[in-house]
Protein backbone atom coordinates (compact mmCIF):
# COMPACT_ATOMS: atom_id res chain seq x y z
CA UNK A 1 383.83 138.87 67.67
CA UNK A 2 387.20 137.91 69.14
CA UNK A 3 389.98 137.40 66.66
CA UNK A 4 392.26 135.79 69.21
CA UNK A 5 391.49 133.22 71.86
CA UNK A 6 393.47 132.77 75.00
CA UNK A 7 393.61 129.46 76.84
CA UNK A 8 391.37 130.90 79.55
CA UNK A 9 388.73 131.97 77.01
CA UNK A 10 388.66 128.48 75.51
CA UNK A 11 388.49 126.90 78.95
CA UNK A 12 385.48 129.07 79.77
CA UNK A 13 383.81 128.34 76.43
CA UNK A 14 384.28 124.62 76.89
CA UNK A 15 382.99 124.49 80.45
CA UNK A 16 380.23 127.10 80.39
CA UNK A 17 376.77 125.62 80.09
CA UNK A 18 377.93 122.04 79.53
CA UNK A 19 379.66 122.66 76.23
CA UNK A 20 378.58 123.71 72.79
CA UNK A 21 374.87 123.62 72.11
CA UNK A 22 374.00 122.15 75.49
CA UNK A 23 370.41 122.82 76.42
CA UNK A 24 369.43 123.53 79.99
CA UNK A 25 369.30 120.28 81.94
CA UNK A 26 371.08 118.44 79.11
CA UNK A 27 374.43 118.08 80.83
CA UNK A 28 375.92 114.64 81.26
CA UNK A 29 377.46 113.75 84.61
CA UNK A 30 381.24 114.17 84.36
CA UNK A 31 381.95 110.46 84.85
CA UNK A 32 379.66 109.52 81.93
CA UNK A 33 381.06 112.31 79.75
CA UNK A 34 384.61 111.29 80.53
CA UNK A 35 383.97 107.60 79.86
CA UNK A 36 382.20 108.35 76.56
CA UNK A 37 385.16 110.50 75.49
CA UNK A 38 387.64 107.82 76.56
CA UNK A 39 385.70 105.17 74.63
CA UNK A 40 385.51 107.39 71.52
CA UNK A 41 389.25 108.10 71.56
CA UNK A 42 390.24 104.51 72.29
CA UNK A 43 388.16 103.22 69.36
CA UNK A 44 390.42 105.37 67.19
CA UNK A 45 393.76 104.57 68.81
CA UNK A 46 395.83 101.55 67.84
CA UNK A 47 395.71 99.06 70.75
CA UNK A 48 399.37 99.60 71.59
CA UNK A 49 398.78 103.33 72.22
CA UNK A 50 395.84 103.06 74.62
CA UNK A 51 397.83 102.62 77.84
CA UNK A 52 400.26 105.36 76.85
CA UNK A 53 397.36 107.77 76.22
CA UNK A 54 395.95 107.13 79.67
CA UNK A 55 399.38 107.73 81.20
CA UNK A 56 400.48 110.70 79.05
CA UNK A 57 397.06 112.43 79.02
CA UNK A 58 397.25 113.31 75.32
CA UNK A 59 397.17 111.22 72.17
CA UNK A 60 397.74 111.87 68.49
CA UNK A 61 394.84 110.23 66.66
CA UNK A 62 395.25 109.09 63.05
CA UNK A 63 393.06 111.11 60.68
CA UNK A 64 391.47 109.57 57.60
CA UNK A 65 390.78 106.18 59.15
CA UNK A 66 387.56 106.74 61.12
CA UNK A 67 387.06 110.39 60.15
CA UNK A 68 388.61 113.40 58.44
CA UNK A 69 388.91 116.73 60.26
CA UNK A 70 387.57 120.13 59.20
CA UNK A 71 389.89 122.90 60.44
CA UNK A 72 388.40 126.33 61.09
CA UNK A 73 390.06 129.54 62.29
CA UNK A 74 388.83 130.51 65.76
CA UNK A 75 387.30 133.75 64.45
CA UNK A 76 385.23 131.84 61.88
CA UNK A 77 384.16 129.34 64.54
CA UNK A 78 382.95 132.24 66.72
CA UNK A 79 380.87 133.50 63.81
CA UNK A 80 379.21 130.22 62.87
CA UNK A 81 378.68 128.64 66.29
CA UNK A 82 375.09 129.82 66.69
CA UNK A 83 374.18 128.68 63.16
CA UNK A 84 375.77 125.31 63.79
CA UNK A 85 374.66 124.60 67.38
CA UNK A 86 372.32 121.71 66.54
CA UNK A 87 374.77 120.19 64.06
CA UNK A 88 377.62 120.01 66.59
CA UNK A 89 375.68 119.19 69.72
CA UNK A 90 377.03 115.99 71.26
CA UNK A 91 379.71 115.79 68.62
CA UNK A 92 383.44 116.06 69.20
CA UNK A 93 384.88 119.56 68.76
CA UNK A 94 388.48 120.31 69.73
CA UNK A 95 390.27 123.66 69.99
CA UNK A 96 393.97 124.27 69.48
CA UNK A 97 394.74 127.27 71.67
CA UNK A 98 398.16 127.87 70.18
CA UNK A 99 397.20 127.80 66.50
CA UNK A 100 393.80 129.37 67.33
CA UNK A 101 391.93 126.76 65.31
CA UNK A 102 388.95 124.51 65.90
CA UNK A 103 388.85 120.89 64.71
CA UNK A 104 385.62 119.09 63.82
CA UNK A 105 385.76 115.40 62.90
CA UNK A 106 383.66 114.78 59.76
CA UNK A 107 382.91 111.59 57.82
CA UNK A 108 385.86 110.39 55.72
CA UNK A 109 385.79 111.81 52.18
CA UNK A 110 382.75 114.06 52.65
CA UNK A 111 384.48 117.41 52.98
CA UNK A 112 385.52 118.16 49.43
CA UNK A 113 384.32 121.73 49.17
CA UNK A 114 386.69 124.64 48.80
CA UNK A 115 387.00 127.13 51.61
CA UNK A 116 387.45 124.57 54.39
CA UNK A 117 390.85 123.17 55.26
CA UNK A 118 390.61 119.40 55.69
CA UNK A 119 393.01 117.04 57.40
CA UNK A 120 392.96 113.65 55.69
CA UNK A 121 394.79 110.32 55.86
CA UNK A 122 398.36 110.79 57.00
CA UNK A 123 397.55 113.65 59.38
CA UNK A 124 397.24 113.39 63.15
CA UNK A 125 394.93 115.15 65.62
CA UNK A 126 396.12 115.72 69.19
CA UNK A 127 393.41 115.14 71.80
CA UNK A 128 393.54 115.46 75.57
CA UNK A 129 392.34 112.92 78.08
CA UNK A 130 389.02 114.34 79.38
CA UNK A 131 390.22 114.29 82.98
CA UNK A 132 393.44 116.16 82.22
CA UNK A 133 393.34 119.48 80.43
CA UNK A 134 396.21 120.69 78.35
CA UNK A 135 397.67 123.98 77.30
CA UNK A 136 397.36 123.21 73.61
CA UNK A 137 394.32 121.05 72.89
CA UNK A 138 390.95 121.44 74.63
CA UNK A 139 387.63 119.76 74.11
CA UNK A 140 384.96 122.35 73.31
CA UNK A 141 382.36 119.61 72.93
CA UNK A 142 382.95 116.10 74.21
CA UNK A 143 381.85 113.04 72.28
CA UNK A 144 379.00 111.12 73.87
CA UNK A 145 378.16 107.43 73.83
CA UNK A 146 375.93 108.03 70.80
CA UNK A 147 378.14 110.63 69.12
CA UNK A 148 378.11 111.00 65.41
CA UNK A 149 380.40 113.18 63.36
CA UNK A 150 379.69 116.76 62.33
CA UNK A 151 377.52 116.90 59.24
CA UNK A 152 379.68 118.37 56.49
CA UNK A 153 376.71 119.91 54.64
CA UNK A 154 375.54 121.70 57.78
CA UNK A 155 379.07 122.97 58.37
CA UNK A 156 379.41 124.29 54.81
CA UNK A 157 375.94 125.90 54.95
CA UNK A 158 376.77 127.62 58.25
CA UNK A 159 380.02 128.98 56.82
CA UNK A 160 378.36 130.24 53.63
CA UNK A 161 375.48 131.75 55.62
CA UNK A 162 377.88 133.55 57.92
CA UNK A 163 380.03 134.85 55.06
CA UNK A 164 376.94 136.05 53.19
CA UNK A 165 376.07 138.50 55.97
CA UNK A 166 379.58 139.89 56.39
CA UNK A 167 380.02 143.48 55.21
């Protein structure tokens, strides 16, 4: 299990096989994927920031309004990905290649358990425009038109299940 991710590793993880949990033949055309991601981000952005996001290719999204964010170390994410595949399929998952963390939007107020760092109201999450990659933030799983947030219970169960089998 890697303890450190390079930008190239994350790029490969995000693009290989259509993203996290993508089944064979379940890949969206890029134009649809990009538009769904754009729509998802723009629903979260204040109206005044939408044009700037399209021009700047990255946007800080306010946390705690539409969702909170579970923050996982990259090494933990590597360990729980297989257990969590169905729970994160077609849900937004973002990697920070510099901090080596993975961000999963979860319903506001649902992540109250210990052992998971949560970003709440007052925090910001940097996301990239889907057509323009960035050195810092990368989509590991793009939101879709029918995206829902990561189920907090499934996330907690995957983490506890993974930790239970560690030596």
